């Protein structure tokens, strides 16, 4: 049974790595920011049922648990990357605006 558990977790993590759209979660983090991070944490994708055909109940249980944990980790990581990019660009925009306001204020006609 222990070998079944390890195999289920290993396969589930590999499948989650393949299935989760990393670009989608970067976009979610970039455009939806903090709410996107919350969505990435709360949303739990379910693995396709076809992967559990003719598997034991224990295998299915451990596979699903490992799949959801790995998928959540990936989602949250990539949403955080999108959020960080969004914050960085926002900060650069604010700095650029202050620089423009400062240069306009110091202009002499």
N, C-alpha and C. Protein backbone atom coordinates (compact mmCIF):
# COMPACT_ATOMS: atom_id res chain seq x y z
N UNK A 1 0.81 -1.19 0.00
CA UNK A 1 0.00 0.00 0.00
C UNK A 1 0.86 1.26 0.00
N UNK A 2 1.96 1.26 0.73
CA UNK A 2 2.84 2.42 0.79
C UNK A 2 3.39 2.74 -0.60
N UNK A 3 3.72 1.71 -1.37
CA UNK A 3 4.20 1.92 -2.73
C UNK A 3 3.11 2.54 -3.60
N UNK A 4 1.86 2.11 -3.38
CA UNK A 4 0.71 2.67 -4.10
C UNK A 4 0.57 4.16 -3.80
N UNK A 5 0.74 4.53 -2.54
CA UNK A 5 0.63 5.92 -2.12
C UNK A 5 1.71 6.77 -2.78
N UNK A 6 2.94 6.30 -2.72
CA UNK A 6 4.05 7.05 -3.33
C UNK A 6 3.88 7.18 -4.83
N UNK A 7 3.44 6.10 -5.48
CA UNK A 7 3.24 6.14 -6.92
C UNK A 7 2.10 7.11 -7.27
N UNK A 8 1.02 7.06 -6.51
CA UNK A 8 -0.11 7.95 -6.76
C UNK A 8 0.31 9.41 -6.63
N UNK A 9 1.06 9.72 -5.60
CA UNK A 9 1.49 11.11 -5.39
C UNK A 9 2.45 11.57 -6.48
N UNK A 10 3.37 10.71 -6.86
CA UNK A 10 4.34 11.08 -7.89
C UNK A 10 3.64 11.34 -9.23
N UNK A 11 2.75 10.44 -9.61
CA UNK A 11 2.02 10.59 -10.87
C UNK A 11 1.11 11.81 -10.81
N UNK A 12 0.45 12.03 -9.70
CA UNK A 12 -0.46 13.17 -9.55
C UNK A 12 0.29 14.49 -9.67
N UNK A 13 1.45 14.59 -9.05
CA UNK A 13 2.23 15.82 -9.12
C UNK A 13 2.71 16.08 -10.54
N UNK A 14 3.12 15.04 -11.24
CA UNK A 14 3.54 15.20 -12.64
C UNK A 14 2.36 15.63 -13.51
N UNK A 15 1.21 15.02 -13.29
CA UNK A 15 0.03 15.38 -14.06
C UNK A 15 -0.42 16.81 -13.78
N UNK A 16 -0.38 17.22 -12.54
CA UNK A 16 -0.76 18.59 -12.19
C UNK A 16 0.20 19.59 -12.83
N UNK A 17 1.47 19.26 -12.83
CA UNK A 17 2.48 20.13 -13.46
C UNK A 17 2.17 20.31 -14.94
N UNK A 18 1.72 19.26 -15.57
CA UNK A 18 1.40 19.30 -17.00
C UNK A 18 0.06 20.00 -17.25
N UNK A 19 -0.92 19.75 -16.41
CA UNK A 19 -2.29 20.23 -16.65
C UNK A 19 -2.51 21.70 -16.35
N UNK A 20 -1.88 22.22 -15.33
CA UNK A 20 -2.15 23.60 -14.90
C UNK A 20 -1.54 24.57 -15.91
N UNK A 21 -2.37 25.51 -16.35
CA UNK A 21 -1.93 26.54 -17.30
C UNK A 21 -1.22 27.66 -16.52
N UNK A 22 0.08 27.68 -16.63
CA UNK A 22 0.87 28.66 -15.89
C UNK A 22 0.63 30.08 -16.40
N UNK A 23 0.50 30.22 -17.70
CA UNK A 23 0.27 31.55 -18.28
C UNK A 23 -1.06 32.11 -17.81
N UNK A 24 -2.08 31.26 -17.75
CA UNK A 24 -3.39 31.70 -17.27
C UNK A 24 -3.27 32.29 -15.87
N UNK A 25 -2.53 31.63 -14.98
CA UNK A 25 -2.44 32.10 -13.60
C UNK A 25 -1.57 33.35 -13.49
N UNK A 26 -0.59 33.52 -14.37
CA UNK A 26 0.17 34.78 -14.38
C UNK A 26 -0.77 35.92 -14.78
N UNK A 27 -1.60 35.68 -15.79
CA UNK A 27 -2.56 36.69 -16.24
C UNK A 27 -3.57 37.01 -15.13
N UNK A 28 -4.07 35.98 -14.45
CA UNK A 28 -5.01 36.19 -13.35
C UNK A 28 -4.35 37.05 -12.26
N UNK A 29 -3.12 36.73 -11.89
CA UNK A 29 -2.43 37.51 -10.87
C UNK A 29 -2.14 38.93 -11.32
N UNK A 30 -1.85 39.10 -12.61
CA UNK A 30 -1.53 40.42 -13.14
C UNK A 30 -2.75 41.33 -13.16
N UNK A 31 -3.86 40.83 -13.69
CA UNK A 31 -5.03 41.67 -13.89
C UNK A 31 -5.99 41.70 -12.69
N UNK A 32 -6.09 40.62 -11.94
CA UNK A 32 -7.05 40.58 -10.84
C UNK A 32 -6.35 40.82 -9.50
N UNK A 33 -5.06 40.87 -9.48
CA UNK A 33 -4.20 41.19 -8.33
C UNK A 33 -4.54 40.37 -7.09
N UNK A 34 -4.88 41.03 -5.98
CA UNK A 34 -5.08 40.30 -4.72
C UNK A 34 -6.24 39.30 -4.78
N UNK A 35 -7.29 39.67 -5.48
CA UNK A 35 -8.40 38.73 -5.62
C UNK A 35 -7.96 37.53 -6.45
N UNK A 36 -7.09 37.75 -7.43
CA UNK A 36 -6.53 36.66 -8.22
C UNK A 36 -5.73 35.69 -7.36
N UNK A 37 -4.99 36.22 -6.41
CA UNK A 37 -4.26 35.35 -5.48
C UNK A 37 -5.22 34.53 -4.64
N UNK A 38 -6.29 35.16 -4.20
CA UNK A 38 -7.30 34.45 -3.42
C UNK A 38 -7.97 33.36 -4.25
N UNK A 39 -8.29 33.68 -5.49
CA UNK A 39 -8.89 32.68 -6.38
C UNK A 39 -7.93 31.51 -6.59
N UNK A 40 -6.65 31.81 -6.80
CA UNK A 40 -5.66 30.75 -7.00
C UNK A 40 -5.55 29.85 -5.78
N UNK A 41 -5.74 30.41 -4.60
CA UNK A 41 -5.66 29.62 -3.38
C UNK A 41 -6.92 28.78 -3.16
N UNK A 42 -8.07 29.36 -3.46
CA UNK A 42 -9.34 28.68 -3.18
C UNK A 42 -9.68 27.62 -4.23
N UNK A 43 -9.45 27.93 -5.51
CA UNK A 43 -9.87 27.03 -6.59
C UNK A 43 -9.06 25.74 -6.55
N UNK A 44 -9.77 24.62 -6.55
CA UNK A 44 -9.13 23.30 -6.54
C UNK A 44 -9.57 22.52 -7.78
N UNK A 45 -8.71 22.43 -8.77
CA UNK A 45 -9.10 21.67 -9.96
C UNK A 45 -9.17 20.17 -9.63
N UNK A 46 -10.08 19.50 -10.28
CA UNK A 46 -10.19 18.06 -10.08
C UNK A 46 -9.54 17.36 -11.26
N UNK A 47 -8.83 16.31 -10.99
CA UNK A 47 -8.20 15.57 -12.08
C UNK A 47 -9.25 14.87 -12.94
N UNK A 48 -8.95 14.64 -14.20
CA UNK A 48 -9.90 13.93 -15.06
C UNK A 48 -10.20 12.53 -14.51
N UNK A 49 -11.47 12.16 -14.56
CA UNK A 49 -11.89 10.86 -14.03
C UNK A 49 -11.28 9.71 -14.82
N UNK A 50 -10.92 9.96 -16.05
CA UNK A 50 -10.34 8.89 -16.88
C UNK A 50 -9.01 8.38 -16.31
N UNK A 51 -8.36 9.18 -15.51
CA UNK A 51 -7.09 8.75 -14.92
C UNK A 51 -7.28 7.80 -13.74
N UNK A 52 -8.51 7.71 -13.26
CA UNK A 52 -8.78 6.86 -12.09
C UNK A 52 -9.46 5.54 -12.46
N UNK A 53 -9.61 5.29 -13.74
CA UNK A 53 -10.27 4.06 -14.17
C UNK A 53 -9.44 2.85 -13.74
N UNK A 54 -10.10 1.90 -13.12
CA UNK A 54 -9.49 0.65 -12.66
C UNK A 54 -8.40 0.86 -11.61
N UNK A 55 -8.52 1.93 -10.83
CA UNK A 55 -7.59 2.17 -9.73
C UNK A 55 -8.32 1.92 -8.41
N UNK A 56 -7.57 1.58 -7.40
CA UNK A 56 -8.17 1.32 -6.10
C UNK A 56 -8.68 2.63 -5.47
N UNK A 57 -9.53 2.48 -4.49
CA UNK A 57 -10.08 3.65 -3.79
C UNK A 57 -8.95 4.44 -3.13
N UNK A 58 -8.01 3.75 -2.52
CA UNK A 58 -6.90 4.43 -1.85
C UNK A 58 -6.05 5.20 -2.86
N UNK A 59 -5.76 4.56 -4.00
CA UNK A 59 -4.96 5.22 -5.03
C UNK A 59 -5.68 6.49 -5.50
N UNK A 60 -6.98 6.38 -5.76
CA UNK A 60 -7.77 7.52 -6.22
C UNK A 60 -7.76 8.64 -5.19
N UNK A 61 -7.91 8.28 -3.93
CA UNK A 61 -7.94 9.28 -2.86
C UNK A 61 -6.59 10.01 -2.77
N UNK A 62 -5.49 9.26 -2.75
CA UNK A 62 -4.18 9.89 -2.63
C UNK A 62 -3.81 10.67 -3.89
N UNK A 63 -4.20 10.14 -5.04
CA UNK A 63 -3.93 10.83 -6.30
C UNK A 63 -4.64 12.18 -6.32
N UNK A 64 -5.92 12.18 -5.99
CA UNK A 64 -6.71 13.41 -6.01
C UNK A 64 -6.16 14.44 -5.01
N UNK A 65 -5.82 13.97 -3.83
CA UNK A 65 -5.27 14.87 -2.80
C UNK A 65 -3.95 15.49 -3.26
N UNK A 66 -3.06 14.68 -3.79
CA UNK A 66 -1.76 15.17 -4.24
C UNK A 66 -1.91 16.08 -5.46
N UNK A 67 -2.81 15.73 -6.36
CA UNK A 67 -3.05 16.53 -7.56
C UNK A 67 -3.54 17.93 -7.17
N UNK A 68 -4.52 17.99 -6.29
CA UNK A 68 -5.07 19.28 -5.89
C UNK A 68 -4.05 20.12 -5.13
N UNK A 69 -3.25 19.49 -4.29
CA UNK A 69 -2.24 20.24 -3.53
C UNK A 69 -1.18 20.82 -4.47
N UNK A 70 -0.71 20.02 -5.41
CA UNK A 70 0.31 20.48 -6.34
C UNK A 70 -0.26 21.56 -7.27
N UNK A 71 -1.49 21.35 -7.75
CA UNK A 71 -2.11 22.33 -8.64
C UNK A 71 -2.29 23.66 -7.92
N UNK A 72 -2.74 23.62 -6.66
CA UNK A 72 -2.91 24.85 -5.88
C UNK A 72 -1.57 25.56 -5.71
N UNK A 73 -0.54 24.82 -5.44
CA UNK A 73 0.79 25.39 -5.27
C UNK A 73 1.25 26.08 -6.55
N UNK A 74 1.06 25.43 -7.68
CA UNK A 74 1.45 26.01 -8.97
C UNK A 74 0.62 27.26 -9.25
N UNK A 75 -0.69 27.15 -9.08
CA UNK A 75 -1.58 28.29 -9.32
C UNK A 75 -1.18 29.49 -8.48
N UNK A 76 -0.96 29.25 -7.21
CA UNK A 76 -0.61 30.34 -6.30
C UNK A 76 0.74 30.95 -6.66
N UNK A 77 1.69 30.12 -7.00
CA UNK A 77 3.03 30.62 -7.37
C UNK A 77 2.97 31.51 -8.60
N UNK A 78 2.28 31.05 -9.63
CA UNK A 78 2.24 31.82 -10.87
C UNK A 78 1.32 33.04 -10.75
N UNK A 79 0.27 32.97 -9.96
CA UNK A 79 -0.56 34.15 -9.71
C UNK A 79 0.26 35.19 -8.94
N UNK A 80 1.11 34.73 -8.02
CA UNK A 80 1.97 35.66 -7.27
C UNK A 80 2.98 36.32 -8.20
N UNK A 81 3.48 35.59 -9.19
CA UNK A 81 4.40 36.18 -10.17
C UNK A 81 3.68 37.27 -10.96
N UNK A 82 2.46 36.99 -11.41
CA UNK A 82 1.68 38.00 -12.13
C UNK A 82 1.38 39.21 -11.27
N UNK A 83 1.06 38.97 -10.00
CA UNK A 83 0.80 40.06 -9.07
C UNK A 83 2.05 40.91 -8.86
N UNK A 84 3.20 40.26 -8.72
CA UNK A 84 4.46 40.99 -8.53
C UNK A 84 4.80 41.84 -9.76
N UNK A 85 4.57 41.29 -10.94
CA UNK A 85 4.81 42.05 -12.17
C UNK A 85 3.88 43.27 -12.22
N UNK A 86 2.62 43.05 -11.87
CA UNK A 86 1.64 44.14 -11.85
C UNK A 86 2.06 45.23 -10.87
N UNK A 87 2.49 44.83 -9.68
CA UNK A 87 2.93 45.81 -8.67
C UNK A 87 4.17 46.55 -9.14
N UNK A 88 5.10 45.84 -9.74
CA UNK A 88 6.32 46.48 -10.24
C UNK A 88 6.03 47.50 -11.32
N UNK A 89 5.16 47.13 -12.26
CA UNK A 89 4.80 48.08 -13.31
C UNK A 89 4.02 49.27 -12.75
N UNK A 90 3.16 49.01 -11.78
CA UNK A 90 2.43 50.10 -11.14
C UNK A 90 3.36 51.06 -10.44
N UNK A 91 4.36 50.52 -9.76
CA UNK A 91 5.34 51.36 -9.07
C UNK A 91 6.14 52.19 -10.07
N UNK A 92 6.54 51.57 -11.17
CA UNK A 92 7.26 52.32 -12.21
C UNK A 92 6.40 53.43 -12.80
N UNK A 93 5.12 53.15 -12.96
CA UNK A 93 4.21 54.16 -13.48
C UNK A 93 4.07 55.33 -12.51
N UNK A 94 3.96 55.05 -11.24
CA UNK A 94 3.87 56.11 -10.23
C UNK A 94 5.15 56.94 -10.21
N UNK A 95 6.29 56.29 -10.28
CA UNK A 95 7.57 57.01 -10.29
C UNK A 95 7.67 57.89 -11.53
N UNK A 96 7.23 57.35 -12.68
CA UNK A 96 7.28 58.13 -13.92
C UNK A 96 6.34 59.33 -13.84
N UNK A 97 5.18 59.15 -13.23
CA UNK A 97 4.25 60.27 -13.09
C UNK A 97 4.83 61.36 -12.19
N UNK A 98 5.44 60.96 -11.07
CA UNK A 98 6.07 61.96 -10.19
C UNK A 98 7.21 62.66 -10.90
N UNK A 99 7.96 61.94 -11.71
CA UNK A 99 9.06 62.55 -12.45
C UNK A 99 8.52 63.56 -13.46
N UNK A 100 7.42 63.23 -14.13
CA UNK A 100 6.83 64.18 -15.09
C UNK A 100 6.28 65.41 -14.37
N UNK A 101 5.60 65.20 -13.27
CA UNK A 101 5.06 66.33 -12.51
C UNK A 101 6.20 67.21 -12.01
N UNK A 102 7.27 66.59 -11.54
CA UNK A 102 8.42 67.37 -11.07
C UNK A 102 9.08 68.15 -12.19
N UNK A 103 9.17 67.54 -13.37
CA UNK A 103 9.81 68.25 -14.48
C UNK A 103 8.92 69.37 -15.02
N UNK A 104 7.60 69.15 -14.98
CA UNK A 104 6.69 70.21 -15.43
C UNK A 104 6.73 71.39 -14.46
N UNK A 105 6.80 71.09 -13.16
CA UNK A 105 6.83 72.15 -12.15
C UNK A 105 8.09 72.97 -12.21
N UNK A 106 9.19 72.39 -12.69
CA UNK A 106 10.45 73.12 -12.73
C UNK A 106 10.71 73.81 -14.06
N UNK A 107 9.76 73.70 -15.01
CA UNK A 107 9.94 74.34 -16.31
C UNK A 107 9.75 75.85 -16.18
N UNK A 108 10.56 76.59 -16.91
CA UNK A 108 10.45 78.05 -16.90
C UNK A 108 10.16 78.51 -18.33
N UNK A 109 9.27 79.43 -18.42
CA UNK A 109 8.87 79.94 -19.74
C UNK A 109 9.48 81.25 -20.03
